[in-house]
Amino acid sequence: MATRIRMGFPNWLTLTRVLLIPVLVLVFLLPFNWASPAAAGVFMIAGLTDWLDGFIARWLNEGSRLGAFLDPLADKLLVATALVLIVMAGPHIWVVIPAMIIIGREIAISALREWMAEAGAARRVAVSWVGKIKTAVQMAAIVLMLFQHPVRGIHLYWIGLALLYLAVGLTLWSMSLYLRAAWPWFGGFQERAARRDTNEL
């Protein structure tokens, strides 16, 4: 008998973020001057749902396995898509490299978390405070770079690029923390680490 999946409002918000991804692409590629600012607005709305679904899930105590799966997936799809659009608009090496690092890190950490979950140690690679700061800086950088146009002589794109490099630094830092936490499982020390974790509970 199939198990009925209960979506809940937070999960619907997360799903909305996924549905906004093709809207983001379509708006950004429109041949109008307002297309880039509008795309930045779409990305901001999508980013707001990221904060809002987590807040509501904690407030209503509606955390779920579906939400735990959908939320990081939606984030990664949104960020990767936005970075690809930014690279398309300005395929310069100083933009391509940070985009590659961020997307590559997201793929690597997703694989690491899946592997650690199979090893029964998923909590060792939970989201860190560095990762949360990285996400906030990364979101701000992408909004400014999607906007494209200067505002009152201020080139938001270059401010966004500087923030993107800051996000890269935080990305590598948080990745090192995840790898350090998972290291005992890489070198044949799984059982000893598992016993240590059990004793800490």
N, C-alpha and C. Protein backbone atom coordinates (compact mmCIF):
# COMPACT_ATOMS: atom_id res chain seq x y z
N MET A 1 0.85 -1.20 0.00
CA MET A 1 0.00 0.00 0.00
C MET A 1 0.88 1.24 0.00
N ALA A 2 0.64 2.13 -0.94
CA ALA A 2 1.47 3.33 -1.06
C ALA A 2 1.22 4.27 0.11
N THR A 3 2.30 4.90 0.57
CA THR A 3 2.21 5.87 1.66
C THR A 3 1.88 7.24 1.09
N ARG A 4 0.86 7.85 1.65
CA ARG A 4 0.47 9.18 1.19
C ARG A 4 1.42 10.22 1.74
N ILE A 5 1.94 11.05 0.86
CA ILE A 5 2.89 12.09 1.26
C ILE A 5 2.13 13.35 1.63
N ARG A 6 2.38 13.82 2.84
CA ARG A 6 1.74 15.06 3.30
C ARG A 6 2.67 16.23 3.00
N MET A 7 2.23 17.11 2.11
CA MET A 7 3.09 18.19 1.66
C MET A 7 3.32 19.24 2.75
N GLY A 8 2.25 19.85 3.24
CA GLY A 8 2.41 20.92 4.22
C GLY A 8 2.79 22.23 3.54
N PHE A 9 2.46 23.35 4.17
CA PHE A 9 2.71 24.65 3.58
C PHE A 9 4.19 24.92 3.33
N PRO A 10 5.11 24.59 4.27
CA PRO A 10 6.53 24.83 4.00
C PRO A 10 7.02 24.10 2.75
N ASN A 11 6.55 22.88 2.52
CA ASN A 11 6.97 22.13 1.34
C ASN A 11 6.41 22.74 0.06
N TRP A 12 5.20 23.29 0.15
CA TRP A 12 4.65 23.98 -1.02
C TRP A 12 5.48 25.21 -1.37
N LEU A 13 5.98 25.91 -0.34
CA LEU A 13 6.85 27.05 -0.58
C LEU A 13 8.15 26.61 -1.27
N THR A 14 8.69 25.49 -0.80
CA THR A 14 9.91 24.96 -1.41
C THR A 14 9.65 24.58 -2.87
N LEU A 15 8.52 23.95 -3.12
CA LEU A 15 8.17 23.58 -4.49
C LEU A 15 7.99 24.82 -5.37
N THR A 16 7.46 25.89 -4.78
CA THR A 16 7.33 27.16 -5.51
C THR A 16 8.69 27.67 -5.94
N ARG A 17 9.68 27.50 -5.07
CA ARG A 17 11.04 27.92 -5.42
C ARG A 17 11.55 27.16 -6.64
N VAL A 18 11.25 25.89 -6.72
CA VAL A 18 11.66 25.08 -7.88
C VAL A 18 10.94 25.59 -9.14
N LEU A 19 9.66 25.89 -9.01
CA LEU A 19 8.87 26.34 -10.17
C LEU A 19 9.30 27.73 -10.64
N LEU A 20 9.92 28.50 -9.76
CA LEU A 20 10.38 29.83 -10.15
C LEU A 20 11.67 29.78 -10.98
N ILE A 21 12.34 28.63 -11.00
CA ILE A 21 13.59 28.52 -11.75
C ILE A 21 13.38 28.73 -13.24
N PRO A 22 12.44 28.05 -13.91
CA PRO A 22 12.23 28.35 -15.33
C PRO A 22 11.73 29.77 -15.57
N VAL A 23 10.99 30.33 -14.62
CA VAL A 23 10.57 31.73 -14.74
C VAL A 23 11.79 32.64 -14.72
N LEU A 24 12.73 32.36 -13.83
CA LEU A 24 13.98 33.12 -13.76
C LEU A 24 14.71 33.10 -15.09
N VAL A 25 14.84 31.92 -15.68
CA VAL A 25 15.54 31.78 -16.96
C VAL A 25 14.83 32.56 -18.05
N LEU A 26 13.53 32.38 -18.14
CA LEU A 26 12.76 33.04 -19.18
C LEU A 26 12.85 34.55 -19.07
N VAL A 27 12.68 35.09 -17.88
CA VAL A 27 12.71 36.54 -17.69
C VAL A 27 14.09 37.10 -18.01
N PHE A 28 15.14 36.43 -17.55
CA PHE A 28 16.49 36.93 -17.77
C PHE A 28 16.85 36.99 -19.25
N LEU A 29 16.31 36.06 -20.03
CA LEU A 29 16.66 35.98 -21.45
C LEU A 29 15.76 36.83 -22.35
N LEU A 30 14.79 37.51 -21.76
CA LEU A 30 13.93 38.38 -22.56
C LEU A 30 14.73 39.55 -23.13
N PRO A 31 14.45 39.98 -24.36
CA PRO A 31 15.23 41.04 -25.01
C PRO A 31 14.76 42.45 -24.64
N PHE A 32 14.67 42.70 -23.33
CA PHE A 32 14.24 44.02 -22.87
C PHE A 32 15.21 44.52 -21.80
N ASN A 33 15.29 45.85 -21.66
CA ASN A 33 16.21 46.43 -20.68
C ASN A 33 15.83 46.07 -19.25
N TRP A 34 14.52 45.85 -19.03
CA TRP A 34 14.08 45.57 -17.67
C TRP A 34 14.19 44.08 -17.32
N ALA A 35 14.65 43.27 -18.27
CA ALA A 35 14.69 41.83 -18.04
C ALA A 35 15.63 41.44 -16.90
N SER A 36 16.82 42.04 -16.88
CA SER A 36 17.80 41.68 -15.83
C SER A 36 17.32 42.09 -14.44
N PRO A 37 16.86 43.34 -14.24
CA PRO A 37 16.33 43.69 -12.92
C PRO A 37 15.14 42.81 -12.51
N ALA A 38 14.28 42.49 -13.49
CA ALA A 38 13.13 41.63 -13.18
C ALA A 38 13.60 40.24 -12.76
N ALA A 39 14.64 39.72 -13.43
CA ALA A 39 15.18 38.41 -13.06
C ALA A 39 15.77 38.45 -11.66
N ALA A 40 16.44 39.56 -11.33
CA ALA A 40 16.97 39.71 -9.97
C ALA A 40 15.83 39.69 -8.95
N GLY A 41 14.69 40.32 -9.33
CA GLY A 41 13.52 40.30 -8.45
C GLY A 41 12.97 38.89 -8.28
N VAL A 42 12.91 38.13 -9.36
CA VAL A 42 12.44 36.74 -9.27
C VAL A 42 13.35 35.93 -8.36
N PHE A 43 14.65 36.14 -8.51
CA PHE A 43 15.61 35.41 -7.66
C PHE A 43 15.43 35.80 -6.19
N MET A 44 15.19 37.08 -5.93
CA MET A 44 14.98 37.53 -4.55
C MET A 44 13.74 36.88 -3.95
N ILE A 45 12.66 36.79 -4.73
CA ILE A 45 11.44 36.14 -4.25
C ILE A 45 11.71 34.67 -3.95
N ALA A 46 12.44 34.01 -4.84
CA ALA A 46 12.77 32.61 -4.63
C ALA A 46 13.62 32.45 -3.37
N GLY A 47 14.59 33.37 -3.18
CA GLY A 47 15.42 33.32 -1.99
C GLY A 47 14.61 33.56 -0.73
N LEU A 48 13.60 34.41 -0.81
CA LEU A 48 12.73 34.67 0.34
C LEU A 48 11.97 33.41 0.74
N THR A 49 11.54 32.63 -0.25
CA THR A 49 10.84 31.38 0.08
C THR A 49 11.77 30.41 0.80
N ASP A 50 13.08 30.50 0.50
CA ASP A 50 14.05 29.64 1.18
C ASP A 50 14.08 29.94 2.68
N TRP A 51 14.10 31.23 3.03
CA TRP A 51 14.07 31.61 4.44
C TRP A 51 12.71 31.31 5.05
N LEU A 52 11.65 31.61 4.30
CA LEU A 52 10.30 31.51 4.84
C LEU A 52 9.89 30.07 5.11
N ASP A 53 10.23 29.13 4.21
CA ASP A 53 9.79 27.76 4.43
C ASP A 53 10.45 27.15 5.67
N GLY A 54 11.73 27.50 5.89
CA GLY A 54 12.39 27.00 7.10
C GLY A 54 11.80 27.61 8.36
N PHE A 55 11.51 28.92 8.31
CA PHE A 55 10.94 29.60 9.47
C PHE A 55 9.57 29.01 9.82
N ILE A 56 8.72 28.84 8.81
CA ILE A 56 7.37 28.32 9.04
C ILE A 56 7.42 26.87 9.51
N ALA A 57 8.34 26.08 8.92
CA ALA A 57 8.46 24.68 9.33
C ALA A 57 8.83 24.57 10.81
N ARG A 58 9.74 25.44 11.27
CA ARG A 58 10.10 25.42 12.69
C ARG A 58 8.97 25.95 13.56
N TRP A 59 8.28 26.99 13.09
CA TRP A 59 7.20 27.61 13.86
C TRP A 59 6.04 26.64 14.03
N LEU A 60 5.68 25.96 12.94
CA LEU A 60 4.55 25.02 12.99
C LEU A 60 4.98 23.60 13.35
N ASN A 61 6.28 23.42 13.55
CA ASN A 61 6.81 22.09 13.84
C ASN A 61 6.39 21.09 12.75
N GLU A 62 6.61 21.50 11.50
CA GLU A 62 6.21 20.68 10.37
C GLU A 62 7.41 20.18 9.56
N GLY A 63 8.49 19.92 10.24
CA GLY A 63 9.64 19.35 9.55
C GLY A 63 9.30 17.97 9.02
N SER A 64 9.82 17.64 7.86
CA SER A 64 9.52 16.34 7.25
C SER A 64 10.70 15.86 6.43
N ARG A 65 10.70 14.56 6.14
CA ARG A 65 11.76 14.01 5.29
C ARG A 65 11.69 14.58 3.88
N LEU A 66 10.45 14.80 3.41
CA LEU A 66 10.28 15.39 2.09
C LEU A 66 10.89 16.78 2.05
N GLY A 67 10.63 17.57 3.09
CA GLY A 67 11.20 18.91 3.16
C GLY A 67 12.71 18.89 3.24
N ALA A 68 13.25 17.93 4.02
CA ALA A 68 14.70 17.81 4.14
C ALA A 68 15.35 17.45 2.81
N PHE A 69 14.60 16.79 1.94
CA PHE A 69 15.10 16.45 0.60
C PHE A 69 14.91 17.61 -0.37
N LEU A 70 13.71 18.20 -0.37
CA LEU A 70 13.38 19.22 -1.35
C LEU A 70 14.14 20.53 -1.13
N ASP A 71 14.30 20.94 0.12
CA ASP A 71 14.86 22.26 0.41
C ASP A 71 16.28 22.42 -0.12
N PRO A 72 17.23 21.53 0.22
CA PRO A 72 18.58 21.71 -0.35
C PRO A 72 18.62 21.50 -1.86
N LEU A 73 17.76 20.63 -2.37
CA LEU A 73 17.70 20.41 -3.82
C LEU A 73 17.26 21.68 -4.53
N ALA A 74 16.22 22.33 -4.02
CA ALA A 74 15.72 23.57 -4.62
C ALA A 74 16.79 24.66 -4.57
N ASP A 75 17.49 24.75 -3.43
CA ASP A 75 18.55 25.76 -3.30
C ASP A 75 19.64 25.57 -4.34
N LYS A 76 20.08 24.33 -4.48
CA LYS A 76 21.19 24.05 -5.40
C LYS A 76 20.78 24.29 -6.85
N LEU A 77 19.57 23.88 -7.21
CA LEU A 77 19.09 24.11 -8.57
C LEU A 77 18.98 25.60 -8.86
N LEU A 78 18.47 26.35 -7.90
CA LEU A 78 18.29 27.79 -8.08
C LEU A 78 19.63 28.50 -8.24
N VAL A 79 20.57 28.20 -7.34
CA VAL A 79 21.88 28.85 -7.38
C VAL A 79 22.64 28.47 -8.64
N ALA A 80 22.64 27.18 -8.98
CA ALA A 80 23.37 26.73 -10.18
C ALA A 80 22.80 27.38 -11.44
N THR A 81 21.48 27.45 -11.53
CA THR A 81 20.85 28.07 -12.69
C THR A 81 21.21 29.55 -12.79
N ALA A 82 21.14 30.26 -11.67
CA ALA A 82 21.47 31.69 -11.67
C ALA A 82 22.92 31.92 -12.06
N LEU A 83 23.83 31.09 -11.56
CA LEU A 83 25.24 31.25 -11.90
C LEU A 83 25.49 30.98 -13.38
N VAL A 84 24.80 30.01 -13.94
CA VAL A 84 24.93 29.73 -15.38
C VAL A 84 24.45 30.94 -16.18
N LEU A 85 23.35 31.55 -15.78
CA LEU A 85 22.86 32.74 -16.47
C LEU A 85 23.85 33.89 -16.39
N ILE A 86 24.46 34.07 -15.22
CA ILE A 86 25.45 35.14 -15.05
C ILE A 86 26.66 34.90 -15.94
N VAL A 87 27.10 33.65 -16.02
CA VAL A 87 28.24 33.31 -16.89
C VAL A 87 27.87 33.52 -18.36
N MET A 88 26.63 33.15 -18.73
CA MET A 88 26.18 33.38 -20.11
C MET A 88 26.22 34.86 -20.47
N ALA A 89 25.81 35.71 -19.52
CA ALA A 89 25.75 37.15 -19.79
C ALA A 89 27.13 37.78 -19.86
N GLY A 90 28.08 37.22 -19.15
CA GLY A 90 29.45 37.75 -19.15
C GLY A 90 30.45 36.64 -18.96
N PRO A 91 30.75 35.89 -20.02
CA PRO A 91 31.61 34.69 -19.89
C PRO A 91 33.09 35.03 -19.73
N HIS A 92 33.42 35.75 -18.66
CA HIS A 92 34.81 36.12 -18.39
C HIS A 92 35.40 35.13 -17.39
N ILE A 93 36.70 34.95 -17.46
CA ILE A 93 37.36 33.95 -16.62
C ILE A 93 37.16 34.24 -15.14
N TRP A 94 37.13 35.56 -14.78
CA TRP A 94 36.97 35.92 -13.37
C TRP A 94 35.54 35.68 -12.86
N VAL A 95 34.62 35.40 -13.78
CA VAL A 95 33.26 35.02 -13.39
C VAL A 95 33.11 33.50 -13.46
N VAL A 96 33.70 32.90 -14.47
CA VAL A 96 33.58 31.45 -14.66
C VAL A 96 34.19 30.68 -13.49
N ILE A 97 35.38 31.09 -13.03
CA ILE A 97 36.08 30.34 -11.99
C ILE A 97 35.28 30.28 -10.68
N PRO A 98 34.81 31.41 -10.12
CA PRO A 98 34.02 31.29 -8.88
C PRO A 98 32.73 30.51 -9.07
N ALA A 99 32.10 30.65 -10.26
CA ALA A 99 30.88 29.89 -10.52
C ALA A 99 31.18 28.39 -10.52
N MET A 100 32.29 28.00 -11.13
CA MET A 100 32.68 26.58 -11.15
C MET A 100 32.95 26.06 -9.75
N ILE A 101 33.63 26.86 -8.94
CA ILE A 101 33.96 26.43 -7.58
C ILE A 101 32.69 26.23 -6.76
N ILE A 102 31.77 27.20 -6.85
CA ILE A 102 30.54 27.10 -6.05
C ILE A 102 29.69 25.93 -6.48
N ILE A 103 29.50 25.76 -7.79
CA ILE A 103 28.69 24.64 -8.27
C ILE A 103 29.37 23.32 -7.96
N GLY A 104 30.68 23.25 -8.15
CA GLY A 104 31.41 22.03 -7.84
C GLY A 104 31.34 21.67 -6.38
N ARG A 105 31.41 22.67 -5.51
CA ARG A 105 31.31 22.42 -4.08
C ARG A 105 29.95 21.86 -3.71
N GLU A 106 28.89 22.42 -4.31
CA GLU A 106 27.54 21.95 -4.01
C GLU A 106 27.38 20.48 -4.40
N ILE A 107 27.93 20.11 -5.55
CA ILE A 107 27.85 18.72 -6.00
C ILE A 107 28.64 17.81 -5.04
N ALA A 108 29.85 18.26 -4.67
CA ALA A 108 30.70 17.45 -3.80
C ALA A 108 30.07 17.25 -2.43
N ILE A 109 29.51 18.33 -1.84
CA ILE A 109 28.93 18.22 -0.51
C ILE A 109 27.65 17.37 -0.54
N SER A 110 26.88 17.47 -1.62
CA SER A 110 25.69 16.63 -1.75
C SER A 110 26.08 15.15 -1.78
N ALA A 111 27.13 14.83 -2.54
CA ALA A 111 27.61 13.46 -2.60
C ALA A 111 28.14 13.01 -1.25
N LEU A 112 28.84 13.91 -0.55
CA LEU A 112 29.38 13.58 0.77
C LEU A 112 28.26 13.30 1.76
N ARG A 113 27.23 14.14 1.75
CA ARG A 113 26.12 13.94 2.68
C ARG A 113 25.40 12.62 2.41
N GLU A 114 25.21 12.30 1.14
CA GLU A 114 24.55 11.03 0.80
C GLU A 114 25.39 9.85 1.28
N TRP A 115 26.69 9.94 1.07
CA TRP A 115 27.59 8.87 1.49
C TRP A 115 27.61 8.72 3.00
N MET A 116 27.64 9.85 3.73
CA MET A 116 27.64 9.82 5.18
C MET A 116 26.32 9.31 5.73
N ALA A 117 25.21 9.62 5.03
CA ALA A 117 23.91 9.10 5.45
C ALA A 117 23.88 7.57 5.35
N GLU A 118 24.46 7.04 4.28
CA GLU A 118 24.52 5.59 4.12
C GLU A 118 25.40 4.96 5.20
N ALA A 119 26.38 5.72 5.68
CA ALA A 119 27.25 5.23 6.75
C ALA A 119 26.64 5.44 8.13
N GLY A 120 25.44 6.02 8.18
CA GLY A 120 24.76 6.25 9.45
C GLY A 120 25.33 7.40 10.25
N ALA A 121 25.97 8.35 9.57
CA ALA A 121 26.60 9.47 10.28
C ALA A 121 26.23 10.80 9.65
N ALA A 122 24.99 10.93 9.22
CA ALA A 122 24.57 12.14 8.51
C ALA A 122 24.69 13.39 9.37
N ARG A 123 24.51 13.24 10.68
CA ARG A 123 24.53 14.42 11.55
C ARG A 123 25.91 15.06 11.64
N ARG A 124 26.95 14.31 11.27
CA ARG A 124 28.30 14.86 11.31
C ARG A 124 28.54 15.88 10.20
N VAL A 125 27.71 15.86 9.16
CA VAL A 125 27.87 16.82 8.06
C VAL A 125 26.61 17.67 7.93
N ALA A 126 26.02 18.03 9.06
CA ALA A 126 24.88 18.94 9.05
C ALA A 126 25.36 20.34 8.69
N VAL A 127 24.42 21.19 8.28
CA VAL A 127 24.76 22.55 7.85
C VAL A 127 25.41 23.32 9.01
N SER A 128 26.55 23.93 8.75
CA SER A 128 27.27 24.68 9.78
C SER A 128 26.92 26.16 9.69
N TRP A 129 27.33 26.91 10.70
CA TRP A 129 27.06 28.36 10.70
C TRP A 129 27.83 29.05 9.57
N VAL A 130 29.00 28.51 9.24
CA VAL A 130 29.76 29.07 8.11
C VAL A 130 28.98 28.89 6.82
N GLY A 131 28.36 27.71 6.66
CA GLY A 131 27.56 27.44 5.48
C GLY A 131 26.37 28.38 5.36
N LYS A 132 25.78 28.73 6.49
CA LYS A 132 24.63 29.64 6.47
C LYS A 132 25.05 31.06 6.07
N ILE A 133 26.20 31.51 6.58
CA ILE A 133 26.71 32.82 6.19
C ILE A 133 27.08 32.82 4.71
N LYS A 134 27.70 31.74 4.28
CA LYS A 134 28.06 31.60 2.86
C LYS A 134 26.83 31.72 1.98
N THR A 135 25.75 31.08 2.37
CA THR A 135 24.52 31.12 1.58
C THR A 135 23.98 32.54 1.49
N ALA A 136 23.99 33.27 2.60
CA ALA A 136 23.48 34.65 2.60
C ALA A 136 24.33 35.55 1.69
N VAL A 137 25.65 35.43 1.80
CA VAL A 137 26.55 36.25 0.96
C VAL A 137 26.38 35.87 -0.51
N GLN A 138 26.28 34.58 -0.77
CA GLN A 138 26.12 34.09 -2.14
C GLN A 138 24.83 34.60 -2.76
N MET A 139 23.74 34.57 -2.00
CA MET A 139 22.46 35.06 -2.51
C MET A 139 22.54 36.55 -2.86
N ALA A 140 23.15 37.33 -1.96
CA ALA A 140 23.29 38.77 -2.21
C ALA A 140 24.13 39.02 -3.46
N ALA A 141 25.21 38.26 -3.62
CA ALA A 141 26.08 38.41 -4.78
C ALA A 141 25.33 38.13 -6.07
N ILE A 142 24.54 37.07 -6.07
CA ILE A 142 23.82 36.68 -7.29
C ILE A 142 22.76 37.71 -7.65
N VAL A 143 22.06 38.24 -6.66
CA VAL A 143 21.05 39.28 -6.93
C VAL A 143 21.70 40.48 -7.61
N LEU A 144 22.82 40.94 -7.07
CA LEU A 144 23.49 42.12 -7.63
C LEU A 144 24.03 41.86 -9.03
N MET A 145 24.52 40.65 -9.26
CA MET A 145 25.08 40.34 -10.57
C MET A 145 24.00 40.09 -11.62
N LEU A 146 22.86 39.57 -11.19
CA LEU A 146 21.74 39.41 -12.12
C LEU A 146 21.16 40.76 -12.53
N PHE A 147 21.21 41.73 -11.62
CA PHE A 147 20.61 43.04 -11.88
C PHE A 147 21.24 43.72 -13.09
N GLN A 148 22.56 43.56 -13.23
CA GLN A 148 23.30 44.02 -14.42
C GLN A 148 23.47 45.54 -14.52
N HIS A 149 22.42 46.31 -14.29
CA HIS A 149 22.46 47.75 -14.56
C HIS A 149 22.99 48.53 -13.35
N PRO A 150 23.74 49.62 -13.61
CA PRO A 150 24.17 50.49 -12.50
C PRO A 150 22.99 51.28 -11.94
N VAL A 151 23.07 51.62 -10.67
CA VAL A 151 22.04 52.41 -10.00
C VAL A 151 22.70 53.66 -9.43
N ARG A 152 22.30 54.84 -9.97
CA ARG A 152 22.88 56.12 -9.57
C ARG A 152 24.40 56.10 -9.66
N GLY A 153 24.90 55.51 -10.73
CA GLY A 153 26.33 55.47 -10.97
C GLY A 153 27.07 54.37 -10.24
N ILE A 154 26.35 53.63 -9.41
CA ILE A 154 26.99 52.54 -8.65
C ILE A 154 26.85 51.25 -9.45
N HIS A 155 27.97 50.62 -9.76
CA HIS A 155 27.95 49.39 -10.54
C HIS A 155 27.73 48.19 -9.61
N LEU A 156 26.48 47.82 -9.46
CA LEU A 156 26.12 46.73 -8.55
C LEU A 156 26.76 45.41 -8.97
N TYR A 157 26.99 45.24 -10.27
CA TYR A 157 27.57 43.99 -10.76
C TYR A 157 28.93 43.72 -10.12
N TRP A 158 29.77 44.78 -10.03
CA TRP A 158 31.11 44.59 -9.49
C TRP A 158 31.08 44.38 -7.99
N ILE A 159 30.12 45.02 -7.32
CA ILE A 159 29.94 44.75 -5.89
C ILE A 159 29.53 43.29 -5.71
N GLY A 160 28.62 42.84 -6.57
CA GLY A 160 28.18 41.45 -6.52
C GLY A 160 29.33 40.49 -6.78
N LEU A 161 30.21 40.85 -7.72
CA LEU A 161 31.35 39.98 -8.02
C LEU A 161 32.29 39.88 -6.82
N ALA A 162 32.50 41.00 -6.14
CA ALA A 162 33.34 40.98 -4.93
C ALA A 162 32.71 40.07 -3.87
N LEU A 163 31.39 40.19 -3.71
CA LEU A 163 30.70 39.32 -2.75
C LEU A 163 30.76 37.85 -3.19
N LEU A 164 30.74 37.62 -4.50
CA LEU A 164 30.83 36.24 -5.00
C LEU A 164 32.17 35.62 -4.62
N TYR A 165 33.24 36.41 -4.70
CA TYR A 165 34.55 35.90 -4.30
C TYR A 165 34.61 35.67 -2.79
N LEU A 166 33.93 36.53 -2.03
CA LEU A 166 33.83 36.29 -0.59
C LEU A 166 33.08 34.99 -0.33
N ALA A 167 32.02 34.77 -1.11
CA ALA A 167 31.26 33.52 -0.97
C ALA A 167 32.11 32.31 -1.33
N VAL A 168 33.01 32.47 -2.30
CA VAL A 168 33.91 31.36 -2.66
C VAL A 168 34.82 31.02 -1.48
N GLY A 169 35.36 32.06 -0.82
CA GLY A 169 36.19 31.82 0.36
C GLY A 169 35.43 31.08 1.44
N LEU A 170 34.20 31.53 1.71
CA LEU A 170 33.37 30.86 2.72
C LEU A 170 32.99 29.45 2.26
N THR A 171 32.80 29.29 0.94
CA THR A 171 32.48 27.98 0.38
C THR A 171 33.59 26.98 0.66
N LEU A 172 34.83 27.39 0.39
CA LEU A 172 35.97 26.49 0.61
C LEU A 172 36.18 26.23 2.10
N TRP A 173 35.94 27.26 2.93
CA TRP A 173 36.07 27.09 4.37
C TRP A 173 35.04 26.07 4.88
N SER A 174 33.77 26.27 4.51
CA SER A 174 32.73 25.35 4.98
C SER A 174 32.97 23.94 4.45
N MET A 175 33.46 23.83 3.22
CA MET A 175 33.75 22.51 2.67
C MET A 175 34.85 21.81 3.47
N SER A 176 35.86 22.58 3.89
CA SER A 176 36.92 21.98 4.70
C SER A 176 36.39 21.48 6.03
N LEU A 177 35.40 22.20 6.60
CA LEU A 177 34.80 21.76 7.86
C LEU A 177 34.03 20.45 7.66
N TYR A 178 33.29 20.35 6.55
CA TYR A 178 32.56 19.12 6.26
C TYR A 178 33.52 17.95 6.06
N LEU A 179 34.58 18.17 5.32
CA LEU A 179 35.55 17.11 5.05
C LEU A 179 36.26 16.69 6.33
N ARG A 180 36.56 17.65 7.18
CA ARG A 180 37.20 17.33 8.46
C ARG A 180 36.28 16.48 9.33
N ALA A 181 34.99 16.84 9.33
CA ALA A 181 34.03 16.07 10.12
C ALA A 181 33.87 14.64 9.60
N ALA A 182 33.98 14.48 8.27
CA ALA A 182 33.79 13.17 7.66
C ALA A 182 35.07 12.36 7.56
N TRP A 183 36.22 12.98 7.88
CA TRP A 183 37.50 12.34 7.65
C TRP A 183 37.65 10.96 8.30
N PRO A 184 37.17 10.74 9.55
CA PRO A 184 37.31 9.41 10.16
C PRO A 184 36.71 8.29 9.32
N TRP A 185 35.71 8.63 8.50
CA TRP A 185 35.06 7.60 7.66
C TRP A 185 35.86 7.31 6.39
N PHE A 186 36.85 8.14 6.10
CA PHE A 186 37.65 7.94 4.89
C PHE A 186 38.83 7.00 5.11
N GLY A 187 39.33 6.95 6.33
CA GLY A 187 40.59 6.25 6.55
C GLY A 187 40.50 4.93 7.28
N GLY A 188 39.31 4.32 7.30
CA GLY A 188 39.19 3.03 7.95
C GLY A 188 38.92 3.11 9.43
N PHE A 189 38.51 4.30 9.90
CA PHE A 189 38.25 4.46 11.33
C PHE A 189 36.76 4.57 11.63
N GLN A 190 35.94 4.01 10.75
CA GLN A 190 34.49 4.17 10.88
C GLN A 190 33.96 3.64 12.21
N GLU A 191 34.39 2.45 12.58
CA GLU A 191 33.85 1.83 13.78
C GLU A 191 34.24 2.62 15.02
N ARG A 192 35.51 3.06 15.08
CA ARG A 192 35.94 3.83 16.24
C ARG A 192 35.20 5.15 16.32
N ALA A 193 35.03 5.81 15.17
CA ALA A 193 34.30 7.09 15.16
C ALA A 193 32.85 6.88 15.53
N ALA A 194 32.24 5.78 15.06
CA ALA A 194 30.85 5.50 15.37
C ALA A 194 30.68 5.26 16.88
N ARG A 195 31.64 4.53 17.46
CA ARG A 195 31.56 4.30 18.91
C ARG A 195 31.71 5.59 19.68
N ARG A 196 32.61 6.48 19.20
CA ARG A 196 32.80 7.77 19.84
C ARG A 196 31.53 8.60 19.78
N ASP A 197 30.86 8.60 18.60
CA ASP A 197 29.61 9.34 18.46
C ASP A 197 28.54 8.78 19.39
N THR A 198 28.48 7.44 19.51
CA THR A 198 27.48 6.81 20.37
C THR A 198 27.69 7.20 21.81
N ASN A 199 28.96 7.28 22.23
CA ASN A 199 29.25 7.65 23.61
C ASN A 199 28.92 9.10 23.90
N GLU A 200 28.94 9.95 22.83
CA GLU A 200 28.63 11.36 23.02
C GLU A 200 27.15 11.63 23.14
N LEU A 201 26.31 10.68 22.68
CA LEU A 201 24.86 10.89 22.72
C LEU A 201 24.34 10.79 24.15
